[in-house]
Amino acid sequence: MTTFKVTVEDEKAAQLKELLQGVTFIKSIKEEETSANNELREPETNYKRLKEIIESAKGKDLFKDIEDPSEWQRQIRKEWERDL
C-alpha cells in the first residue's frame, strides 16, 4: 500500500475530498489542517527561503504578458544605467 500526502488551499479541500471519495481504489482519506503558525514560520536559511519562493512561483506564468523578452530586458537595463 502507498500513502500520499497532498497539501491544498483550504477553499479547495472539500472539492478534492469529494473527488477522491469517488475513486474506487482509494482505501481511506484523512484530513489534517495545518496551523497558520506553521505556514508563516521563518525559513532557516536564505537558500531555503529562496527555494520556497521559487517553488511557489512554479506554474503561475509570471511573465506571460511579455511579448518580446529581449526588448523587455533592454528596457530593464536602461533603468539601471546611470552616470557614474
C-alpha atoms as a PDB file:
ATOM      1  CA  MET A   1       0.000   0.000   0.000  1.00  0.00           C
ATOM      2  CA  THR A   2       1.219   3.536  -0.780  1.00  0.00           C
ATOM      3  CA  THR A   3       0.361   6.725   1.111  1.00  0.00           C
ATOM      4  CA  PHE A   4       0.333  10.185  -0.464  1.00  0.00           C
ATOM      5  CA  LYS A   5       0.374  13.465   1.438  1.00  0.00           C
ATOM      6  CA  VAL A   6      -1.246  16.313  -0.501  1.00  0.00           C
ATOM      7  CA  THR A   7      -1.397  19.965   0.531  1.00  0.00           C
ATOM      8  CA  VAL A   8      -4.185  22.123  -0.912  1.00  0.00           C
ATOM      9  CA  GLU A   9      -5.674  25.546  -0.259  1.00  0.00           C
ATOM     10  CA  ASP A  10      -8.451  25.484   2.348  1.00  0.00           C
ATOM     11  CA  GLU A  11     -11.140  26.533  -0.107  1.00  0.00           C
ATOM     12  CA  LYS A  12     -10.284  23.598  -2.423  1.00  0.00           C
ATOM     13  CA  ALA A  13     -10.048  20.878   0.255  1.00  0.00           C
ATOM     14  CA  ALA A  14     -13.721  19.916   0.105  1.00  0.00           C
ATOM     15  CA  GLN A  15     -13.613  19.570  -3.689  1.00  0.00           C
ATOM     16  CA  LEU A  16     -10.542  17.335  -3.544  1.00  0.00           C
ATOM     17  CA  LYS A  17     -12.040  15.181  -0.805  1.00  0.00           C
ATOM     18  CA  GLU A  18     -15.247  14.725  -2.812  1.00  0.00           C
ATOM     19  CA  LEU A  19     -13.258  13.836  -5.924  1.00  0.00           C
ATOM     20  CA  LEU A  20     -11.129  11.281  -4.076  1.00  0.00           C
ATOM     21  CA  GLN A  21     -14.158   9.639  -2.450  1.00  0.00           C
ATOM     22  CA  GLY A  22     -15.390   8.799  -5.935  1.00  0.00           C
ATOM     23  CA  VAL A  23     -12.241   6.823  -6.769  1.00  0.00           C
ATOM     24  CA  THR A  24     -12.897   3.151  -6.091  1.00  0.00           C
ATOM     25  CA  PHE A  25      -9.351   2.053  -5.261  1.00  0.00           C
ATOM     26  CA  ILE A  26      -8.727   4.699  -2.552  1.00  0.00           C
ATOM     27  CA  LYS A  27      -8.931   2.938   0.826  1.00  0.00           C
ATOM     28  CA  SER A  28      -9.182   5.947   3.171  1.00  0.00           C
ATOM     29  CA  ILE A  29      -8.911   9.734   3.274  1.00  0.00           C
ATOM     30  CA  LYS A  30      -7.520  11.528   6.317  1.00  0.00           C
ATOM     31  CA  GLU A  31      -7.878  15.275   6.579  1.00  0.00           C
ATOM     32  CA  GLU A  32      -5.436  17.351   8.614  1.00  0.00           C
ATOM     33  CA  GLU A  33      -5.474  21.127   8.984  1.00  0.00           C
ATOM     34  CA  THR A  34      -2.194  22.966   9.278  1.00  0.00           C
ATOM     35  CA  SER A  35      -1.958  25.850  11.672  1.00  0.00           C
ATOM     36  CA  ALA A  36      -1.140  29.358  10.500  1.00  0.00           C
ATOM     37  CA  ASN A  37       1.956  29.270  12.699  1.00  0.00           C
ATOM     38  CA  ASN A  38       3.485  26.511  10.596  1.00  0.00           C
ATOM     39  CA  GLU A  39       2.795  28.310   7.335  1.00  0.00           C
ATOM     40  CA  LEU A  40       4.263  31.613   8.480  1.00  0.00           C
ATOM     41  CA  ARG A  41       7.460  30.288  10.015  1.00  0.00           C
ATOM     42  CA  GLU A  42      10.716  31.933   9.023  1.00  0.00           C
ATOM     43  CA  PRO A  43      12.901  29.671   6.872  1.00  0.00           C
ATOM     44  CA  GLU A  44      16.153  28.622   8.495  1.00  0.00           C
ATOM     45  CA  THR A  45      18.416  29.864   5.705  1.00  0.00           C
ATOM     46  CA  ASN A  46      18.315  32.205   2.749  1.00  0.00           C
ATOM     47  CA  TYR A  47      18.710  29.166   0.485  1.00  0.00           C
ATOM     48  CA  LYS A  48      15.567  27.552   1.888  1.00  0.00           C
ATOM     49  CA  ARG A  49      13.668  30.826   1.643  1.00  0.00           C
ATOM     50  CA  LEU A  50      14.653  31.294  -1.995  1.00  0.00           C
ATOM     51  CA  LYS A  51      13.787  27.674  -2.753  1.00  0.00           C
ATOM     52  CA  GLU A  52      10.312  28.124  -1.209  1.00  0.00           C
ATOM     53  CA  ILE A  53       9.719  31.275  -3.280  1.00  0.00           C
ATOM     54  CA  ILE A  54      10.749  29.531  -6.495  1.00  0.00           C
ATOM     55  CA  GLU A  55       8.550  26.527  -5.693  1.00  0.00           C
ATOM     56  CA  SER A  56       5.547  28.772  -5.028  1.00  0.00           C
ATOM     57  CA  ALA A  57       6.070  30.541  -8.369  1.00  0.00           C
ATOM     58  CA  LYS A  58       6.084  27.340 -10.454  1.00  0.00           C
ATOM     59  CA  GLY A  59       3.257  27.069 -12.928  1.00  0.00           C
ATOM     60  CA  LYS A  60       1.993  30.613 -12.433  1.00  0.00           C
ATOM     61  CA  ASP A  61       3.095  32.016 -15.836  1.00  0.00           C
ATOM     62  CA  LEU A  62       4.584  35.100 -14.196  1.00  0.00           C
ATOM     63  CA  PHE A  63       5.938  36.520 -17.455  1.00  0.00           C
ATOM     64  CA  LYS A  64       3.157  35.542 -19.859  1.00  0.00           C
ATOM     65  CA  ASP A  65       2.372  39.199 -20.664  1.00  0.00           C
ATOM     66  CA  ILE A  66       5.866  39.868 -22.045  1.00  0.00           C
ATOM     67  CA  GLU A  67       5.604  39.727 -25.828  1.00  0.00           C
ATOM     68  CA  ASP A  68       9.280  40.373 -26.646  1.00  0.00           C
ATOM     69  CA  PRO A  69      11.598  39.168 -23.857  1.00  0.00           C
ATOM     70  CA  SER A  70      14.704  40.733 -25.437  1.00  0.00           C
ATOM     71  CA  GLU A  71      13.113  44.173 -25.641  1.00  0.00           C
ATOM     72  CA  TRP A  72      11.785  43.817 -22.113  1.00  0.00           C
ATOM     73  CA  GLN A  73      15.328  43.086 -20.875  1.00  0.00           C
ATOM     74  CA  ARG A  74      16.704  46.126 -22.741  1.00  0.00           C
ATOM     75  CA  GLN A  75      14.127  48.341 -21.058  1.00  0.00           C
ATOM     76  CA  ILE A  76      15.035  46.940 -17.643  1.00  0.00           C
ATOM     77  CA  ARG A  77      18.738  47.575 -18.306  1.00  0.00           C
ATOM     78  CA  LYS A  78      18.022  51.170 -19.333  1.00  0.00           C
ATOM     79  CA  GLU A  79      16.543  51.719 -15.903  1.00  0.00           C
ATOM     80  CA  TRP A  80      19.847  50.514 -14.401  1.00  0.00           C
ATOM     81  CA  GLU A  81      22.056  52.811 -16.475  1.00  0.00           C
ATOM     82  CA  ARG A  82      23.298  55.838 -14.633  1.00  0.00           C
ATOM     83  CA  ASP A  83      26.113  58.318 -14.867  1.00  0.00           C
ATOM     84  CA  LEU A  84      28.992  57.374 -12.600  1.00  0.00           C
END
